[in-house]
Amino acid sequence: MLDGIPSTNILFFDIETVSASPSFAQLDEPFQELWRYKAKSITRQPDLPDEAEAADVYGDKAAIYAEFGKIVCISVGILAVDKSDQRLRVRLKSFASEDEAALLADFAELLNKRYHNPHTHYLCGHNIREFDVPYICRRMVVQGVPLPAALDIAGKKPWECKHFVDTMELWKFGDFKSFVSLKLLSALLGFPSPKDDIDGSEVGRVFWEEKDLSRIARYCEKDVLATIQLYMRYRNEPLIGDDQVIITSED
């Protein structure tokens, strides 16, 4: 599995998202009305929800929709061979900020600089085709950030985007019926779970109430490392040890 893809040419990544506002009540009035229609669709109710119902659904679900949420962290990881001992090393880095436009611009710069050729470089993550990539692209449009070549995929068929390596799709082996979480696969395949501190449902609270971006970045980096471990299991190669992981602020 994954033969022909150089591991050192892959950018592993994950995103963390929150609602665009701390609460439904703090949304601008036009967006409150628009969210009511979205909440009606989510809950499959015949009528528009009242304010209390809309607020509950907003707290639970707004972050997963790019029209009503925003990205607060993108963590990335690469595999590299250490010349001193020829062992693999994982380098992790996070783009975390309250300023989404700046965060997206920094990520786009990385892609344009290092991962601009989809024929030689790859982007890897868990469920990136259905969630991370579309979400990033939509938020870049909202924030006026030009799409990097690696993400400029509007209108392209899945087989025209071979530079995406989706670890969830790989697990399906042709079965399109279900979502399989990274947490489940980590338990099944014997590598550390990324959910040992917070999980996705708590990111909004940590951001809006605790204002702890560093904690969110650490959680996101664990997701990236778990994705790399899953990738190694797909290749039937040894898992990455703690002593092989480097967290950096450099490109």
Protein backbone atom coordinates (compact mmCIF):
# COMPACT_ATOMS: atom_id res chain seq x y z
CA MET A 1 0.00 0.00 0.00
CA LEU A 2 1.19 3.54 -0.89
CA ASP A 3 4.04 2.21 -3.02
CA GLY A 4 5.52 4.87 -5.24
CA ILE A 5 4.87 7.76 -2.84
CA PRO A 6 8.09 9.05 -1.22
CA SER A 7 7.27 9.52 2.47
CA THR A 8 9.54 12.54 2.69
CA ASN A 9 7.49 14.32 -0.01
CA ILE A 10 4.30 14.34 2.05
CA LEU A 11 2.91 17.18 4.13
CA PHE A 12 0.69 15.73 6.86
CA PHE A 13 -1.82 18.19 8.29
CA ASP A 14 -4.93 18.70 10.38
CA ILE A 15 -7.15 21.68 11.19
CA GLU A 16 -9.09 22.84 14.24
CA THR A 17 -12.22 24.93 13.80
CA VAL A 18 -14.55 26.91 16.06
CA SER A 19 -17.80 28.80 15.61
CA ALA A 20 -17.40 32.25 14.06
CA SER A 21 -18.83 33.88 17.21
CA PRO A 22 -18.70 32.81 20.85
CA SER A 23 -22.48 32.27 20.85
CA PHE A 24 -25.57 32.49 18.67
CA ALA A 25 -26.64 35.66 20.51
CA GLN A 26 -23.43 37.41 19.41
CA LEU A 27 -23.97 36.70 15.72
CA ASP A 28 -25.00 39.60 13.49
CA GLU A 29 -28.77 39.56 13.00
CA PRO A 30 -28.68 38.48 9.31
CA PHE A 31 -26.51 35.50 10.25
CA GLN A 32 -28.84 34.59 13.12
CA GLU A 33 -31.65 34.22 10.60
CA LEU A 34 -29.41 32.31 8.18
CA TRP A 35 -28.33 29.99 10.98
CA ARG A 36 -31.97 29.27 11.86
CA TYR A 37 -32.46 27.93 8.35
CA LYS A 38 -29.26 25.90 8.65
CA ALA A 39 -30.34 24.54 12.04
CA LYS A 40 -33.70 23.55 10.57
CA SER A 41 -31.85 21.50 7.96
CA ILE A 42 -29.52 19.96 10.56
CA THR A 43 -32.33 18.95 12.93
CA ARG A 44 -34.73 18.05 10.11
CA GLN A 45 -37.56 19.92 11.77
CA PRO A 46 -40.56 21.16 9.76
CA ASP A 47 -40.38 24.66 11.28
CA LEU A 48 -37.61 27.13 11.98
CA PRO A 49 -36.18 26.59 15.48
CA ASP A 50 -36.74 29.23 18.14
CA GLU A 51 -33.84 31.22 19.55
CA ALA A 52 -33.04 28.74 22.33
CA GLU A 53 -33.02 25.77 19.95
CA ALA A 54 -30.96 27.65 17.36
CA ALA A 55 -28.47 28.61 20.07
CA ASP A 56 -28.07 24.99 21.22
CA VAL A 57 -27.44 23.74 17.69
CA TYR A 58 -25.06 26.64 17.04
CA GLY A 59 -22.92 25.69 20.03
CA ASP A 60 -22.79 22.07 18.91
CA LYS A 61 -22.50 22.32 15.14
CA ALA A 62 -21.50 25.75 13.81
CA ALA A 63 -17.77 24.98 13.86
CA ILE A 64 -18.06 22.22 11.28
CA TYR A 65 -19.56 24.50 8.61
CA ALA A 66 -17.16 26.86 6.86
CA GLU A 67 -19.94 29.42 6.38
CA PHE A 68 -20.53 29.69 10.13
CA GLY A 69 -17.13 28.72 11.55
CA LYS A 70 -13.47 29.57 11.22
CA ILE A 71 -10.05 27.92 11.45
CA VAL A 72 -7.95 28.68 14.51
CA CYS A 73 -5.14 26.16 13.98
CA ILE A 74 -3.49 24.22 11.17
CA SER A 75 -0.80 21.80 12.31
CA VAL A 76 1.58 20.20 9.84
CA GLY A 77 4.14 17.43 9.98
CA ILE A 78 6.85 16.05 7.72
CA LEU A 79 9.00 12.94 7.73
CA ALA A 80 12.73 13.39 7.19
CA VAL A 81 15.76 11.12 7.40
CA ASP A 82 18.32 12.24 9.96
CA LYS A 83 21.71 12.11 8.24
CA SER A 84 23.50 11.32 11.51
CA ASP A 85 21.82 7.97 12.12
CA GLN A 86 19.58 7.44 9.06
CA ARG A 87 16.48 7.24 11.27
CA LEU A 88 13.23 8.94 10.41
CA ARG A 89 12.32 12.08 12.29
CA VAL A 90 8.94 13.80 12.46
CA ARG A 91 8.93 17.59 12.48
CA LEU A 92 5.69 19.18 13.69
CA LYS A 93 4.68 22.81 13.40
CA SER A 94 1.45 24.72 14.09
CA PHE A 95 -0.08 27.82 12.55
CA ALA A 96 -2.37 28.96 15.38
CA SER A 97 -3.91 32.41 15.60
CA GLU A 98 -7.03 34.38 16.36
CA ASP A 99 -6.37 36.09 13.02
CA GLU A 100 -7.66 33.53 10.54
CA ALA A 101 -6.56 35.49 7.47
CA ALA A 102 -2.96 35.61 8.70
CA LEU A 103 -3.01 31.93 9.62
CA LEU A 104 -4.31 30.94 6.18
CA ALA A 105 -1.82 33.21 4.42
CA ASP A 106 1.07 31.58 6.30
CA PHE A 107 -0.20 28.10 5.40
CA ALA A 108 -0.64 29.12 1.76
CA GLU A 109 2.92 30.44 1.72
CA LEU A 110 4.21 27.08 2.93
CA LEU A 111 2.27 25.24 0.22
CA ASN A 112 3.41 27.65 -2.48
CA LYS A 113 7.03 27.38 -1.38
CA ARG A 114 7.39 23.67 -0.70
CA TYR A 115 4.33 21.77 -2.03
CA HIS A 116 3.35 23.54 -5.22
CA ASN A 117 3.84 20.59 -7.59
CA PRO A 118 1.04 18.01 -7.24
CA HIS A 119 3.00 15.56 -9.39
CA THR A 120 5.86 15.27 -6.90
CA HIS A 121 4.44 16.32 -3.53
CA TYR A 122 1.45 15.13 -1.51
CA LEU A 123 -0.93 16.30 1.20
CA CYS A 124 -2.06 13.73 3.75
CA GLY A 125 -4.67 13.77 6.51
CA HIS A 126 -7.65 11.92 7.95
CA ASN A 127 -10.87 12.71 6.05
CA ILE A 128 -9.20 15.64 4.29
CA ARG A 129 -11.17 15.20 1.06
CA GLU A 130 -14.54 15.71 2.75
CA PHE A 131 -13.59 18.10 5.54
CA ASP A 132 -10.16 19.74 5.86
CA VAL A 133 -9.47 20.62 2.23
CA PRO A 134 -12.94 22.02 1.38
CA TYR A 135 -13.02 23.92 4.68
CA ILE A 136 -9.60 25.51 4.10
CA CYS A 137 -10.48 26.44 0.51
CA ARG A 138 -13.80 28.03 1.51
CA ARG A 139 -12.22 30.03 4.32
CA MET A 140 -9.44 31.20 2.00
CA VAL A 141 -12.11 32.53 -0.37
CA VAL A 142 -13.88 34.26 2.54
CA GLN A 143 -10.63 35.81 3.77
CA GLY A 144 -9.37 36.79 0.32
CA VAL A 145 -6.34 34.49 0.43
CA PRO A 146 -5.37 33.23 -3.07
CA LEU A 147 -5.64 29.45 -3.32
CA PRO A 148 -2.27 27.69 -3.61
CA ALA A 149 -1.87 25.39 -6.61
CA ALA A 150 -2.13 22.32 -4.38
CA LEU A 151 -5.62 23.42 -3.24
CA ASP A 152 -6.92 24.94 -6.48
CA ILE A 153 -9.12 21.93 -7.24
CA ALA A 154 -12.57 23.36 -7.98
CA GLY A 155 -14.27 21.27 -10.67
CA LYS A 156 -11.64 18.55 -10.62
CA LYS A 157 -12.59 14.89 -10.31
CA PRO A 158 -11.22 12.82 -7.40
CA TRP A 159 -8.85 10.95 -9.70
CA GLU A 160 -7.42 14.29 -10.80
CA CYS A 161 -6.36 14.99 -7.21
CA LYS A 162 -3.92 12.14 -6.71
CA HIS A 163 -1.73 14.36 -4.53
CA PHE A 164 -4.26 13.94 -1.70
CA VAL A 165 -3.60 10.94 0.54
CA ASP A 166 -6.66 10.47 2.75
CA THR A 167 -6.01 7.97 5.53
CA MET A 168 -9.73 7.48 6.14
CA GLU A 169 -10.40 6.65 2.50
CA LEU A 170 -7.52 4.18 2.55
CA TRP A 171 -9.18 2.34 5.43
CA LYS A 172 -12.45 2.02 3.52
CA PHE A 173 -10.90 -0.25 0.85
CA GLY A 174 -13.75 0.65 -1.49
CA ASP A 175 -16.48 0.73 1.20
CA PHE A 176 -18.20 4.13 1.17
CA LYS A 177 -20.78 3.55 3.90
CA SER A 178 -19.18 4.81 7.08
CA PHE A 179 -16.85 7.24 8.82
CA VAL A 180 -13.98 5.71 10.82
CA SER A 181 -12.38 7.95 13.42
CA LEU A 182 -8.67 8.36 13.99
CA LYS A 183 -9.28 7.52 17.65
CA LEU A 184 -10.80 4.16 16.75
CA LEU A 185 -8.00 3.28 14.35
CA SER A 186 -5.36 4.25 16.92
CA ALA A 187 -6.90 1.80 19.41
CA LEU A 188 -7.25 -0.91 16.79
CA LEU A 189 -3.77 -0.57 15.30
CA GLY A 190 -1.85 0.08 18.50
CA PHE A 191 -0.57 3.64 18.48
CA PRO A 192 -1.29 6.46 20.96
CA SER A 193 -4.67 8.16 20.69
CA PRO A 194 -4.63 11.89 19.92
CA LYS A 195 -7.65 12.36 22.23
CA ASP A 196 -5.86 12.11 25.57
CA ASP A 197 -6.52 15.74 26.56
CA ILE A 198 -9.45 17.31 24.70
CA ASP A 199 -11.48 16.24 21.70
CA GLY A 200 -12.99 18.16 18.79
CA SER A 201 -16.18 18.99 20.68
CA GLU A 202 -14.18 20.91 23.29
CA VAL A 203 -12.04 23.04 20.98
CA GLY A 204 -14.60 25.84 20.84
CA ARG A 205 -14.78 26.08 24.63
CA VAL A 206 -11.00 26.06 24.97
CA PHE A 207 -10.76 28.83 22.35
CA TRP A 208 -13.64 31.11 23.39
CA GLU A 209 -13.64 30.58 27.17
CA GLU A 210 -10.09 29.54 28.11
CA LYS A 211 -8.44 31.44 25.23
CA ASP A 212 -5.78 28.74 25.17
CA LEU A 213 -4.52 28.51 21.60
CA SER A 214 -1.38 26.66 22.66
CA ARG A 215 -3.50 23.83 24.09
CA ILE A 216 -5.43 23.61 20.83
CA ALA A 217 -2.17 23.55 18.87
CA ARG A 218 -0.83 20.68 21.01
CA TYR A 219 -4.03 18.73 20.43
CA CYS A 220 -3.88 19.39 16.69
CA GLU A 221 -0.24 18.29 16.55
CA LYS A 222 -1.21 15.02 18.25
CA ASP A 223 -3.77 14.47 15.48
CA VAL A 224 -1.06 15.00 12.87
CA LEU A 225 1.29 12.59 14.65
CA ALA A 226 -1.49 9.99 14.91
CA THR A 227 -2.11 10.39 11.17
CA ILE A 228 1.59 9.77 10.53
CA GLN A 229 1.47 6.66 12.73
CA LEU A 230 -1.53 5.40 10.76
CA TYR A 231 0.35 6.06 7.53
CA MET A 232 3.29 4.03 8.86
CA ARG A 233 0.95 1.13 9.72
CA TYR A 234 -0.47 1.23 6.19
CA ARG A 235 3.07 0.91 4.90
CA ASN A 236 3.79 -1.89 7.40
CA GLU A 237 6.72 0.08 8.78
CA PRO A 238 7.76 0.68 12.41
CA LEU A 239 5.85 3.29 14.36
CA ILE A 240 7.49 6.61 15.21
CA GLY A 241 9.01 6.74 18.71
CA ASP A 242 8.79 9.71 21.05
CA ASP A 243 12.50 10.38 20.55
CA GLN A 244 11.88 10.81 16.81
CA VAL A 245 9.43 13.71 17.20
CA ILE A 246 10.54 17.36 16.99
CA ILE A 247 8.19 20.31 17.48
CA THR A 248 9.46 23.43 15.79
CA SER A 249 8.45 26.93 14.77
CA GLU A 250 10.64 26.87 11.66
CA ASP A 251 9.60 25.94 8.11
